[in-house]
């Protein structure tokens, strides 16, 4: 499911406002405005997850650079990160072509 990073948000923008702004572009699965844990204030960015890639692409085209709560927002696809509990893939033995493989 495509996730969009929304940057440049007003510190007053909440999840309802963000959802309402992106809802015309398709089905939304989740909206998050990132807040400071200590103060509870917005950090000025958030995420919108769409149900389909075509809706996400359309929203990106239409909303990037638009004004929301008095600020011009920037919209990009978010980079995905590996989950903290997932181990990186192990290289295959062919990764070391000149080393012998000992199988006991």
N, C-alpha and C. Protein backbone atom coordinates (compact mmCIF):
# COMPACT_ATOMS: atom_id res chain seq x y z
N UNK A 1 0.83 -1.18 0.00
CA UNK A 1 0.00 0.00 0.00
C UNK A 1 0.88 1.25 0.00
N UNK A 2 0.69 2.13 -0.96
CA UNK A 2 1.53 3.32 -1.06
C UNK A 2 1.31 4.28 0.11
N UNK A 3 2.43 4.80 0.61
CA UNK A 3 2.39 5.76 1.71
C UNK A 3 3.06 7.04 1.24
N UNK A 4 2.41 8.16 1.50
CA UNK A 4 2.96 9.45 1.12
C UNK A 4 3.43 10.21 2.35
N UNK A 5 4.59 10.82 2.22
CA UNK A 5 5.13 11.70 3.24
C UNK A 5 4.65 13.11 2.94
N UNK A 6 4.05 13.75 3.94
CA UNK A 6 3.56 15.11 3.78
C UNK A 6 4.42 16.00 4.67
N UNK A 7 5.20 16.88 4.06
CA UNK A 7 6.10 17.75 4.82
C UNK A 7 5.63 19.20 4.70
N UNK A 8 6.10 20.03 5.63
CA UNK A 8 5.75 21.44 5.62
C UNK A 8 4.40 21.73 6.23
N UNK A 9 3.88 20.80 7.04
CA UNK A 9 2.58 21.01 7.67
C UNK A 9 2.65 22.13 8.70
N UNK A 10 1.56 22.83 8.84
CA UNK A 10 1.41 23.79 9.92
C UNK A 10 1.42 23.01 11.24
N UNK A 11 1.94 23.62 12.28
CA UNK A 11 1.95 22.95 13.58
C UNK A 11 0.54 22.80 14.14
N UNK A 12 -0.43 23.47 13.51
CA UNK A 12 -1.82 23.34 13.93
C UNK A 12 -2.57 22.25 13.17
N UNK A 13 -1.98 21.69 12.12
CA UNK A 13 -2.65 20.67 11.32
C UNK A 13 -2.73 19.37 12.11
N UNK A 14 -3.94 18.83 12.21
CA UNK A 14 -4.11 17.55 12.91
C UNK A 14 -4.50 16.46 11.89
N UNK A 15 -4.70 15.24 12.38
CA UNK A 15 -4.99 14.12 11.49
C UNK A 15 -6.32 14.28 10.76
N UNK A 16 -7.31 14.87 11.40
CA UNK A 16 -8.60 15.07 10.73
C UNK A 16 -8.46 16.03 9.56
N UNK A 17 -7.75 17.12 9.76
CA UNK A 17 -7.54 18.11 8.69
C UNK A 17 -6.78 17.47 7.54
N UNK A 18 -5.75 16.68 7.85
CA UNK A 18 -4.95 16.03 6.82
C UNK A 18 -5.78 15.01 6.04
N UNK A 19 -6.56 14.22 6.77
CA UNK A 19 -7.44 13.24 6.11
C UNK A 19 -8.44 13.93 5.19
N UNK A 20 -9.08 14.98 5.69
CA UNK A 20 -10.08 15.70 4.90
C UNK A 20 -9.47 16.29 3.62
N UNK A 21 -8.21 16.73 3.70
CA UNK A 21 -7.55 17.33 2.53
C UNK A 21 -7.25 16.29 1.46
N UNK A 22 -6.93 15.05 1.87
CA UNK A 22 -6.53 14.01 0.92
C UNK A 22 -7.67 13.07 0.54
N UNK A 23 -8.76 13.10 1.25
CA UNK A 23 -9.89 12.20 0.99
C UNK A 23 -10.47 12.29 -0.43
N UNK A 24 -10.52 13.47 -1.04
CA UNK A 24 -11.08 13.53 -2.40
C UNK A 24 -10.30 12.71 -3.44
N UNK A 25 -9.08 12.27 -3.10
CA UNK A 25 -8.24 11.58 -4.08
C UNK A 25 -8.32 10.06 -3.98
N UNK A 26 -9.08 9.53 -3.03
CA UNK A 26 -9.24 8.09 -2.96
C UNK A 26 -9.38 7.57 -1.54
N UNK A 27 -9.49 6.24 -1.45
CA UNK A 27 -9.66 5.60 -0.15
C UNK A 27 -8.37 5.68 0.67
N UNK A 28 -8.51 6.18 1.88
CA UNK A 28 -7.37 6.34 2.79
C UNK A 28 -7.44 5.26 3.86
N UNK A 29 -6.32 4.57 4.05
CA UNK A 29 -6.26 3.52 5.07
C UNK A 29 -5.82 4.07 6.43
N UNK A 30 -4.88 5.03 6.40
CA UNK A 30 -4.35 5.55 7.66
C UNK A 30 -3.77 6.94 7.45
N UNK A 31 -3.89 7.78 8.47
CA UNK A 31 -3.30 9.12 8.48
C UNK A 31 -2.58 9.30 9.80
N UNK A 32 -1.36 9.82 9.74
CA UNK A 32 -0.60 10.09 10.96
C UNK A 32 0.06 11.46 10.86
N UNK A 33 -0.09 12.27 11.87
CA UNK A 33 0.69 13.49 12.03
C UNK A 33 1.68 13.18 13.14
N UNK A 34 2.96 13.38 12.87
CA UNK A 34 4.01 13.04 13.83
C UNK A 34 4.15 14.17 14.84
N UNK A 35 4.12 13.80 16.11
CA UNK A 35 4.18 14.79 17.19
C UNK A 35 5.36 14.52 18.11
N UNK A 36 5.82 15.58 18.75
CA UNK A 36 6.87 15.48 19.76
C UNK A 36 6.29 14.80 20.99
N UNK A 37 6.95 13.75 21.46
CA UNK A 37 6.41 13.01 22.62
C UNK A 37 6.33 13.86 23.88
N UNK A 38 7.31 14.71 24.09
CA UNK A 38 7.33 15.51 25.31
C UNK A 38 6.29 16.62 25.30
N UNK A 39 6.21 17.35 24.18
CA UNK A 39 5.32 18.51 24.14
C UNK A 39 3.94 18.19 23.57
N UNK A 40 3.85 17.13 22.76
CA UNK A 40 2.59 16.81 22.10
C UNK A 40 2.31 17.68 20.88
N UNK A 41 3.25 18.55 20.52
CA UNK A 41 3.08 19.43 19.37
C UNK A 41 3.55 18.74 18.09
N UNK A 42 2.93 19.09 16.98
CA UNK A 42 3.28 18.53 15.68
C UNK A 42 4.73 18.86 15.34
N UNK A 43 5.39 17.92 14.67
CA UNK A 43 6.74 18.16 14.17
C UNK A 43 6.73 18.73 12.75
N UNK A 44 5.53 18.92 12.19
CA UNK A 44 5.42 19.55 10.88
C UNK A 44 5.41 18.58 9.71
N UNK A 45 5.25 17.29 10.00
CA UNK A 45 5.12 16.35 8.89
C UNK A 45 4.22 15.19 9.31
N UNK A 46 3.77 14.45 8.31
CA UNK A 46 2.88 13.33 8.58
C UNK A 46 2.86 12.37 7.40
N UNK A 47 2.00 11.37 7.49
CA UNK A 47 1.92 10.34 6.48
C UNK A 47 0.45 10.05 6.15
N UNK A 48 0.20 9.75 4.89
CA UNK A 48 -1.12 9.33 4.43
C UNK A 48 -0.93 8.04 3.66
N UNK A 49 -1.66 7.00 4.04
CA UNK A 49 -1.58 5.72 3.34
C UNK A 49 -2.86 5.51 2.54
N UNK A 50 -2.70 5.33 1.24
CA UNK A 50 -3.83 5.11 0.34
C UNK A 50 -4.01 3.62 0.08
N UNK A 51 -5.23 3.25 -0.27
CA UNK A 51 -5.54 1.85 -0.58
C UNK A 51 -4.99 1.44 -1.94
N UNK A 52 -4.86 2.39 -2.86
CA UNK A 52 -4.36 2.03 -4.19
C UNK A 52 -3.25 2.98 -4.63
N UNK A 53 -2.37 2.45 -5.46
CA UNK A 53 -1.26 3.25 -5.95
C UNK A 53 -1.73 4.37 -6.86
N UNK A 54 -2.74 4.11 -7.67
CA UNK A 54 -3.23 5.15 -8.58
C UNK A 54 -3.81 6.34 -7.81
N UNK A 55 -4.49 6.08 -6.70
CA UNK A 55 -5.01 7.17 -5.86
C UNK A 55 -3.86 7.98 -5.25
N UNK A 56 -2.82 7.26 -4.81
CA UNK A 56 -1.67 7.93 -4.20
C UNK A 56 -0.95 8.81 -5.22
N UNK A 57 -0.78 8.31 -6.44
CA UNK A 57 -0.12 9.08 -7.50
C UNK A 57 -0.94 10.33 -7.82
N UNK A 58 -2.24 10.18 -7.92
CA UNK A 58 -3.12 11.32 -8.21
C UNK A 58 -3.05 12.36 -7.09
N UNK A 59 -3.06 11.91 -5.84
CA UNK A 59 -2.98 12.83 -4.71
C UNK A 59 -1.65 13.58 -4.71
N UNK A 60 -0.58 12.86 -5.02
CA UNK A 60 0.74 13.49 -5.05
C UNK A 60 0.76 14.60 -6.10
N UNK A 61 0.26 14.30 -7.30
CA UNK A 61 0.24 15.29 -8.39
C UNK A 61 -0.59 16.52 -8.02
N UNK A 62 -1.74 16.28 -7.38
CA UNK A 62 -2.67 17.38 -7.09
C UNK A 62 -2.30 18.18 -5.84
N UNK A 63 -1.72 17.53 -4.84
CA UNK A 63 -1.51 18.20 -3.55
C UNK A 63 -0.11 18.77 -3.33
N UNK A 64 0.88 18.30 -4.07
CA UNK A 64 2.24 18.80 -3.88
C UNK A 64 2.30 20.29 -4.21
N UNK A 65 2.74 21.09 -3.25
CA UNK A 65 2.83 22.54 -3.42
C UNK A 65 1.58 23.31 -3.07
N UNK A 66 0.49 22.60 -2.75
CA UNK A 66 -0.77 23.27 -2.39
C UNK A 66 -0.69 23.83 -0.97
N UNK A 67 -1.58 24.75 -0.69
CA UNK A 67 -1.67 25.35 0.64
C UNK A 67 -2.62 24.54 1.52
N UNK A 68 -2.17 24.26 2.73
CA UNK A 68 -3.00 23.58 3.72
C UNK A 68 -2.75 24.26 5.07
N UNK A 69 -3.78 24.78 5.68
CA UNK A 69 -3.66 25.52 6.95
C UNK A 69 -2.63 26.65 6.85
N UNK A 70 -2.61 27.32 5.67
CA UNK A 70 -1.74 28.47 5.51
C UNK A 70 -0.29 28.17 5.16
N UNK A 71 0.05 26.90 4.91
CA UNK A 71 1.43 26.52 4.55
C UNK A 71 1.41 25.71 3.26
N UNK A 72 2.40 25.94 2.42
CA UNK A 72 2.55 25.12 1.22
C UNK A 72 3.19 23.80 1.61
N UNK A 73 2.48 22.72 1.33
CA UNK A 73 2.97 21.40 1.73
C UNK A 73 3.74 20.74 0.58
N UNK A 74 4.63 19.83 0.96
CA UNK A 74 5.38 19.02 -0.01
C UNK A 74 4.93 17.58 0.15
N UNK A 75 4.65 16.93 -0.96
CA UNK A 75 4.15 15.55 -0.94
C UNK A 75 5.10 14.68 -1.75
N UNK A 76 5.57 13.60 -1.16
CA UNK A 76 6.44 12.63 -1.81
C UNK A 76 6.07 11.24 -1.34
N UNK A 77 6.47 10.23 -2.10
CA UNK A 77 6.30 8.87 -1.61
C UNK A 77 7.31 8.64 -0.50
N UNK A 78 6.86 8.02 0.58
CA UNK A 78 7.72 7.75 1.72
C UNK A 78 8.65 6.59 1.40
N UNK A 79 9.86 6.65 1.94
CA UNK A 79 10.80 5.53 1.83
C UNK A 79 10.39 4.48 2.84
N UNK A 80 10.44 3.23 2.44
CA UNK A 80 10.12 2.16 3.37
C UNK A 80 11.39 1.70 4.05
N UNK A 81 11.26 1.33 5.33
CA UNK A 81 12.40 0.83 6.09
C UNK A 81 12.10 -0.59 6.52
N UNK A 82 13.16 -1.35 6.71
CA UNK A 82 12.99 -2.71 7.21
C UNK A 82 12.53 -2.65 8.65
N UNK A 83 11.75 -3.62 9.03
CA UNK A 83 11.30 -3.68 10.42
C UNK A 83 12.50 -3.97 11.32
N UNK A 84 12.53 -3.42 12.54
CA UNK A 84 13.68 -3.61 13.42
C UNK A 84 13.95 -5.07 13.76
N UNK A 85 12.93 -5.92 13.78
CA UNK A 85 13.12 -7.31 14.15
C UNK A 85 13.53 -8.19 12.97
N UNK A 86 13.55 -7.63 11.78
CA UNK A 86 13.89 -8.46 10.63
C UNK A 86 15.39 -8.43 10.38
N UNK A 87 15.97 -9.58 10.19
CA UNK A 87 17.39 -9.69 9.93
C UNK A 87 17.65 -9.45 8.45
N UNK A 88 18.80 -8.87 8.13
CA UNK A 88 19.11 -8.68 6.70
C UNK A 88 19.33 -10.03 6.03
N UNK A 89 19.11 -10.11 4.75
CA UNK A 89 19.31 -11.39 4.07
C UNK A 89 20.77 -11.80 4.14
N UNK A 90 20.99 -13.10 4.27
CA UNK A 90 22.36 -13.63 4.32
C UNK A 90 22.86 -13.80 2.89
N UNK A 91 24.12 -13.44 2.64
CA UNK A 91 24.65 -13.63 1.29
C UNK A 91 24.80 -15.11 0.98
N UNK A 92 24.59 -15.44 -0.27
CA UNK A 92 24.73 -16.83 -0.67
C UNK A 92 26.20 -17.20 -0.74
N UNK A 93 26.55 -18.50 -0.71
CA UNK A 93 27.95 -18.90 -0.80
C UNK A 93 28.62 -18.40 -2.08
N UNK A 94 27.86 -18.18 -3.13
CA UNK A 94 28.46 -17.69 -4.37
C UNK A 94 28.95 -16.25 -4.24
N UNK A 95 28.58 -15.60 -3.14
CA UNK A 95 29.04 -14.24 -2.88
C UNK A 95 30.55 -14.22 -2.72
N UNK A 96 31.14 -15.33 -2.19
CA UNK A 96 32.58 -15.46 -2.01
C UNK A 96 33.10 -16.52 -2.99
N UNK A 97 33.25 -16.19 -4.25
CA UNK A 97 33.53 -17.20 -5.26
C UNK A 97 34.89 -17.88 -5.10
N UNK A 98 35.87 -17.25 -4.48
CA UNK A 98 37.21 -17.85 -4.38
C UNK A 98 37.46 -18.55 -3.06
N UNK A 99 36.48 -18.62 -2.20
CA UNK A 99 36.66 -19.29 -0.91
C UNK A 99 35.99 -20.66 -0.95
N UNK A 100 36.66 -21.66 -0.42
CA UNK A 100 36.03 -22.98 -0.37
C UNK A 100 34.89 -23.02 0.62
N UNK A 101 33.92 -23.85 0.35
CA UNK A 101 32.77 -24.01 1.24
C UNK A 101 32.95 -25.29 2.01
N UNK A 102 33.00 -25.19 3.34
CA UNK A 102 33.11 -26.36 4.20
C UNK A 102 31.73 -26.70 4.71
N UNK A 103 31.28 -27.88 4.38
CA UNK A 103 29.99 -28.33 4.88
C UNK A 103 30.24 -29.56 5.73
N UNK A 104 29.99 -29.46 7.02
CA UNK A 104 30.21 -30.58 7.93
C UNK A 104 28.92 -31.27 8.28
